[in-house]
């Protein structure tokens, strides 16, 4: 991957930025503090094996492939560790929005 002196943001950088944004959104935006609650971690423990299984299936069969120049190279069950971090941030955001909008009374009757 050739660059012309300009900084290039790689997948690892993007994932770390998304993780930081998600944590700050949970703590200061939604003010849910899900990360401090055992129920969040219990829920994540249920979701994680399915995320690992899905990531393994997609990456081990080359359905999803990553340029080695844009990831750290660390893999868990064939998928880049960045996918686990991104999945964690996604789950945190979805659960945070669910609770935030639920406390505001936004629900379908």
N, C-alpha and C. Protein backbone atom coordinates (compact mmCIF):
# COMPACT_ATOMS: atom_id res chain seq x y z
N UNK A 1 0.85 -1.17 0.00
CA UNK A 1 0.00 0.00 0.00
C UNK A 1 0.89 1.23 0.00
N UNK A 2 0.78 2.03 -1.04
CA UNK A 2 1.63 3.20 -1.19
C UNK A 2 0.84 4.44 -0.84
N UNK A 3 1.49 5.33 -0.10
CA UNK A 3 0.85 6.61 0.22
C UNK A 3 1.77 7.72 -0.26
N UNK A 4 1.21 8.85 -0.51
CA UNK A 4 2.00 9.98 -0.99
C UNK A 4 2.28 10.95 0.14
N UNK A 5 2.74 10.45 1.27
CA UNK A 5 3.08 11.30 2.39
C UNK A 5 1.89 11.63 3.28
N UNK A 6 0.69 11.42 2.81
CA UNK A 6 -0.50 11.72 3.61
C UNK A 6 -0.75 10.57 4.58
N UNK A 7 -1.25 10.92 5.74
CA UNK A 7 -1.58 9.89 6.73
C UNK A 7 -2.77 9.08 6.25
N UNK A 8 -2.69 7.78 6.41
CA UNK A 8 -3.76 6.89 6.00
C UNK A 8 -4.36 6.25 7.24
N UNK A 9 -5.68 6.34 7.37
CA UNK A 9 -6.34 5.71 8.50
C UNK A 9 -6.64 4.26 8.11
N UNK A 10 -6.19 3.35 8.93
CA UNK A 10 -6.41 1.93 8.66
C UNK A 10 -7.55 1.42 9.53
N UNK A 11 -7.99 0.22 9.23
CA UNK A 11 -9.12 -0.38 9.94
C UNK A 11 -8.88 -0.39 11.45
N UNK A 12 -7.68 -0.72 11.87
CA UNK A 12 -7.38 -0.74 13.31
C UNK A 12 -7.62 0.61 13.95
N UNK A 13 -7.19 1.68 13.28
CA UNK A 13 -7.39 3.04 13.81
C UNK A 13 -8.87 3.39 13.91
N UNK A 14 -9.60 3.02 12.87
CA UNK A 14 -11.04 3.32 12.84
C UNK A 14 -11.75 2.59 13.97
N UNK A 15 -11.39 1.33 14.19
CA UNK A 15 -12.03 0.54 15.24
C UNK A 15 -11.75 1.11 16.62
N UNK A 16 -10.52 1.54 16.86
CA UNK A 16 -10.19 2.15 18.16
C UNK A 16 -10.98 3.44 18.35
N UNK A 17 -11.10 4.24 17.30
CA UNK A 17 -11.88 5.49 17.39
C UNK A 17 -13.35 5.18 17.68
N UNK A 18 -13.90 4.17 17.03
CA UNK A 18 -15.29 3.78 17.27
C UNK A 18 -15.48 3.28 18.70
N UNK A 19 -14.52 2.52 19.20
CA UNK A 19 -14.60 2.02 20.58
C UNK A 19 -14.61 3.18 21.57
N UNK A 20 -13.70 4.12 21.39
CA UNK A 20 -13.63 5.28 22.30
C UNK A 20 -14.94 6.07 22.23
N UNK A 21 -15.43 6.31 21.01
CA UNK A 21 -16.69 7.03 20.83
C UNK A 21 -17.83 6.30 21.55
N UNK A 22 -17.89 4.98 21.41
CA UNK A 22 -18.96 4.19 22.00
C UNK A 22 -18.94 4.25 23.52
N UNK A 23 -17.75 4.16 24.10
CA UNK A 23 -17.61 4.22 25.56
C UNK A 23 -18.04 5.60 26.05
N UNK A 24 -17.58 6.65 25.38
CA UNK A 24 -17.96 8.00 25.78
C UNK A 24 -19.46 8.24 25.61
N UNK A 25 -20.03 7.71 24.54
CA UNK A 25 -21.47 7.85 24.32
C UNK A 25 -22.26 7.15 25.42
N UNK A 26 -21.80 5.97 25.83
CA UNK A 26 -22.48 5.24 26.90
C UNK A 26 -22.42 6.01 28.22
N UNK A 27 -21.24 6.50 28.54
CA UNK A 27 -21.05 7.14 29.84
C UNK A 27 -21.60 8.57 29.91
N UNK A 28 -21.42 9.34 28.82
CA UNK A 28 -21.75 10.76 28.89
C UNK A 28 -22.87 11.19 27.95
N UNK A 29 -23.13 10.43 26.89
CA UNK A 29 -24.20 10.78 25.96
C UNK A 29 -25.52 10.20 26.41
N UNK A 30 -25.60 8.88 26.41
CA UNK A 30 -26.81 8.21 26.86
C UNK A 30 -26.93 8.24 28.38
N UNK A 31 -25.79 8.35 29.06
CA UNK A 31 -25.72 8.31 30.52
C UNK A 31 -26.32 7.03 31.08
N UNK A 32 -26.13 5.92 30.33
CA UNK A 32 -26.63 4.62 30.76
C UNK A 32 -25.64 3.90 31.67
N UNK A 33 -24.37 4.14 31.45
CA UNK A 33 -23.30 3.44 32.17
C UNK A 33 -23.46 1.93 32.09
N UNK A 34 -23.81 1.43 30.91
CA UNK A 34 -23.96 -0.01 30.73
C UNK A 34 -22.68 -0.76 31.08
N UNK A 35 -21.55 -0.15 30.78
CA UNK A 35 -20.26 -0.82 31.02
C UNK A 35 -20.00 -1.10 32.50
N UNK A 36 -20.72 -0.44 33.37
CA UNK A 36 -20.52 -0.64 34.81
C UNK A 36 -21.50 -1.65 35.39
N UNK A 37 -22.36 -2.21 34.54
CA UNK A 37 -23.40 -3.10 35.05
C UNK A 37 -23.16 -4.56 34.68
N UNK A 38 -23.31 -5.45 35.65
CA UNK A 38 -23.13 -6.88 35.38
C UNK A 38 -24.08 -7.41 34.30
N UNK A 39 -25.29 -6.86 34.20
CA UNK A 39 -26.25 -7.34 33.20
C UNK A 39 -25.73 -7.13 31.78
N UNK A 40 -25.01 -6.03 31.55
CA UNK A 40 -24.43 -5.81 30.23
C UNK A 40 -23.41 -6.90 29.92
N UNK A 41 -22.54 -7.17 30.87
CA UNK A 41 -21.49 -8.17 30.64
C UNK A 41 -22.07 -9.57 30.50
N UNK A 42 -23.15 -9.85 31.19
CA UNK A 42 -23.84 -11.14 31.03
C UNK A 42 -24.43 -11.25 29.62
N UNK A 43 -25.03 -10.18 29.17
CA UNK A 43 -25.59 -10.16 27.82
C UNK A 43 -24.49 -10.32 26.78
N UNK A 44 -23.39 -9.63 26.98
CA UNK A 44 -22.28 -9.72 26.03
C UNK A 44 -21.70 -11.13 26.01
N UNK A 45 -21.65 -11.78 27.16
CA UNK A 45 -21.15 -13.15 27.22
C UNK A 45 -22.02 -14.12 26.43
N UNK A 46 -23.30 -13.81 26.33
CA UNK A 46 -24.21 -14.64 25.52
C UNK A 46 -23.99 -14.36 24.03
N UNK A 47 -23.78 -13.11 23.68
CA UNK A 47 -23.62 -12.70 22.28
C UNK A 47 -22.27 -13.11 21.71
N UNK A 48 -21.21 -13.00 22.49
CA UNK A 48 -19.84 -13.21 22.01
C UNK A 48 -19.61 -14.54 21.30
N UNK A 49 -20.05 -15.68 21.82
CA UNK A 49 -19.81 -16.94 21.09
C UNK A 49 -20.43 -16.95 19.70
N UNK A 50 -21.59 -16.34 19.54
CA UNK A 50 -22.22 -16.28 18.23
C UNK A 50 -21.46 -15.34 17.29
N UNK A 51 -20.93 -14.26 17.84
CA UNK A 51 -20.10 -13.36 17.04
C UNK A 51 -18.83 -14.09 16.58
N UNK A 52 -18.21 -14.81 17.49
CA UNK A 52 -17.00 -15.56 17.12
C UNK A 52 -17.30 -16.62 16.06
N UNK A 53 -18.39 -17.33 16.23
CA UNK A 53 -18.77 -18.35 15.27
C UNK A 53 -19.04 -17.75 13.89
N UNK A 54 -19.77 -16.67 13.85
CA UNK A 54 -20.08 -16.00 12.58
C UNK A 54 -18.81 -15.47 11.92
N UNK A 55 -17.97 -14.78 12.70
CA UNK A 55 -16.72 -14.26 12.16
C UNK A 55 -15.84 -15.38 11.64
N UNK A 56 -15.76 -16.49 12.40
CA UNK A 56 -14.94 -17.62 11.96
C UNK A 56 -15.45 -18.16 10.63
N UNK A 57 -16.76 -18.36 10.54
CA UNK A 57 -17.34 -18.93 9.32
C UNK A 57 -17.07 -18.03 8.11
N UNK A 58 -17.28 -16.73 8.28
CA UNK A 58 -17.10 -15.81 7.15
C UNK A 58 -15.64 -15.66 6.73
N UNK A 59 -14.73 -15.60 7.70
CA UNK A 59 -13.32 -15.38 7.34
C UNK A 59 -12.59 -16.66 6.96
N UNK A 60 -12.94 -17.79 7.56
CA UNK A 60 -12.24 -19.04 7.23
C UNK A 60 -12.61 -19.55 5.84
N UNK A 61 -13.73 -19.11 5.32
CA UNK A 61 -14.16 -19.51 3.98
C UNK A 61 -13.88 -18.44 2.94
N UNK A 62 -13.14 -17.41 3.35
CA UNK A 62 -12.78 -16.29 2.48
C UNK A 62 -13.99 -15.60 1.86
N UNK A 63 -15.09 -15.60 2.59
CA UNK A 63 -16.25 -14.82 2.19
C UNK A 63 -15.95 -13.35 2.49
N UNK A 64 -15.32 -13.12 3.63
CA UNK A 64 -14.84 -11.79 4.02
C UNK A 64 -13.33 -11.89 4.16
N UNK A 65 -12.62 -11.02 3.46
CA UNK A 65 -11.15 -11.03 3.51
C UNK A 65 -10.67 -9.62 3.86
N UNK A 66 -9.54 -9.56 4.51
CA UNK A 66 -8.97 -8.29 4.95
C UNK A 66 -7.59 -8.11 4.36
N UNK A 67 -7.29 -6.90 3.97
CA UNK A 67 -5.95 -6.56 3.51
C UNK A 67 -5.03 -6.60 4.72
N UNK A 68 -3.99 -7.42 4.71
CA UNK A 68 -3.12 -7.53 5.87
C UNK A 68 -2.43 -6.21 6.24
N UNK A 69 -2.40 -5.26 5.32
CA UNK A 69 -1.76 -3.98 5.61
C UNK A 69 -2.63 -3.05 6.45
N UNK A 70 -3.91 -3.37 6.63
CA UNK A 70 -4.80 -2.47 7.37
C UNK A 70 -5.31 -3.05 8.68
N UNK A 71 -4.86 -4.23 9.04
CA UNK A 71 -5.24 -4.84 10.32
C UNK A 71 -3.99 -5.16 11.12
N UNK A 72 -4.17 -5.40 12.41
CA UNK A 72 -3.03 -5.67 13.29
C UNK A 72 -2.40 -7.03 13.03
N UNK A 73 -3.17 -7.96 12.50
CA UNK A 73 -2.67 -9.31 12.27
C UNK A 73 -3.06 -10.29 13.36
N UNK A 74 -3.52 -9.76 14.51
CA UNK A 74 -3.99 -10.63 15.58
C UNK A 74 -5.36 -11.16 15.20
N UNK A 75 -5.51 -12.48 15.32
CA UNK A 75 -6.79 -13.10 14.94
C UNK A 75 -7.31 -13.97 16.07
N UNK A 76 -8.63 -14.04 16.15
CA UNK A 76 -9.32 -14.91 17.09
C UNK A 76 -10.29 -15.73 16.25
N UNK A 77 -10.12 -17.02 16.26
CA UNK A 77 -10.95 -17.92 15.46
C UNK A 77 -11.02 -17.45 14.00
N UNK A 78 -9.88 -17.13 13.44
CA UNK A 78 -9.72 -16.77 12.04
C UNK A 78 -10.09 -15.33 11.70
N UNK A 79 -10.77 -14.63 12.58
CA UNK A 79 -11.19 -13.25 12.30
C UNK A 79 -10.24 -12.27 12.99
N UNK A 80 -10.01 -11.12 12.36
CA UNK A 80 -9.16 -10.11 12.99
C UNK A 80 -9.74 -9.64 14.32
N UNK A 81 -8.87 -9.37 15.27
CA UNK A 81 -9.31 -8.90 16.58
C UNK A 81 -10.10 -7.59 16.44
N UNK A 82 -9.83 -6.84 15.38
CA UNK A 82 -10.57 -5.60 15.14
C UNK A 82 -12.07 -5.87 14.99
N UNK A 83 -12.41 -7.02 14.42
CA UNK A 83 -13.83 -7.37 14.28
C UNK A 83 -14.49 -7.56 15.64
N UNK A 84 -13.77 -8.14 16.58
CA UNK A 84 -14.32 -8.31 17.93
C UNK A 84 -14.54 -6.96 18.60
N UNK A 85 -13.58 -6.07 18.42
CA UNK A 85 -13.69 -4.74 19.02
C UNK A 85 -14.85 -3.98 18.39
N UNK A 86 -14.95 -4.04 17.06
CA UNK A 86 -16.05 -3.37 16.36
C UNK A 86 -17.39 -3.95 16.80
N UNK A 87 -17.47 -5.27 16.89
CA UNK A 87 -18.71 -5.92 17.33
C UNK A 87 -19.09 -5.51 18.74
N UNK A 88 -18.10 -5.41 19.62
CA UNK A 88 -18.35 -4.97 20.99
C UNK A 88 -18.93 -3.56 20.99
N UNK A 89 -18.32 -2.65 20.22
CA UNK A 89 -18.81 -1.28 20.15
C UNK A 89 -20.22 -1.23 19.58
N UNK A 90 -20.48 -2.04 18.56
CA UNK A 90 -21.80 -2.08 17.96
C UNK A 90 -22.85 -2.54 18.97
N UNK A 91 -22.55 -3.60 19.70
CA UNK A 91 -23.47 -4.12 20.71
C UNK A 91 -23.71 -3.09 21.81
N UNK A 92 -22.63 -2.44 22.26
CA UNK A 92 -22.77 -1.41 23.28
C UNK A 92 -23.67 -0.29 22.80
N UNK A 93 -23.49 0.15 21.56
CA UNK A 93 -24.32 1.24 21.03
C UNK A 93 -25.78 0.84 20.88
N UNK A 94 -26.02 -0.34 20.36
CA UNK A 94 -27.40 -0.78 20.16
C UNK A 94 -28.10 -0.94 21.51
N UNK A 95 -27.43 -1.58 22.46
CA UNK A 95 -28.05 -1.74 23.78
C UNK A 95 -28.23 -0.38 24.46
N UNK A 96 -27.28 0.51 24.25
CA UNK A 96 -27.39 1.85 24.83
C UNK A 96 -28.57 2.62 24.26
N UNK A 97 -28.73 2.55 22.92
CA UNK A 97 -29.87 3.22 22.29
C UNK A 97 -31.19 2.60 22.74
N UNK A 98 -31.21 1.29 22.84
CA UNK A 98 -32.42 0.58 23.28
C UNK A 98 -32.86 1.09 24.66
N UNK A 99 -31.90 1.14 25.57
CA UNK A 99 -32.25 1.59 26.93
C UNK A 99 -32.57 3.08 26.95
N UNK A 100 -31.79 3.88 26.25
CA UNK A 100 -32.02 5.33 26.24
C UNK A 100 -33.42 5.65 25.73
N UNK A 101 -33.78 5.11 24.56
CA UNK A 101 -35.09 5.40 23.99
C UNK A 101 -36.20 4.76 24.81
N UNK A 102 -35.93 3.63 25.45
CA UNK A 102 -36.91 3.01 26.33
C UNK A 102 -37.24 3.87 27.52
N UNK A 103 -36.23 4.52 28.09
CA UNK A 103 -36.47 5.39 29.24
C UNK A 103 -37.17 6.67 28.84
N UNK A 104 -37.12 7.02 27.55
CA UNK A 104 -37.81 8.22 27.04
C UNK A 104 -39.25 7.90 26.64
N UNK A 105 -39.65 6.64 26.79
CA UNK A 105 -41.01 6.25 26.46
C UNK A 105 -41.26 5.98 24.99
N UNK A 106 -40.18 5.83 24.23
CA UNK A 106 -40.33 5.55 22.80
C UNK A 106 -40.42 4.05 22.63
N UNK A 107 -41.61 3.59 22.32
CA UNK A 107 -41.83 2.15 22.09
C UNK A 107 -43.04 1.96 21.21
N UNK A 108 -43.08 0.84 20.55
CA UNK A 108 -44.21 0.56 19.67
C UNK A 108 -45.26 -0.18 20.49
N UNK A 109 -46.47 0.33 20.47
CA UNK A 109 -47.57 -0.33 21.22
C UNK A 109 -48.19 -1.43 20.43
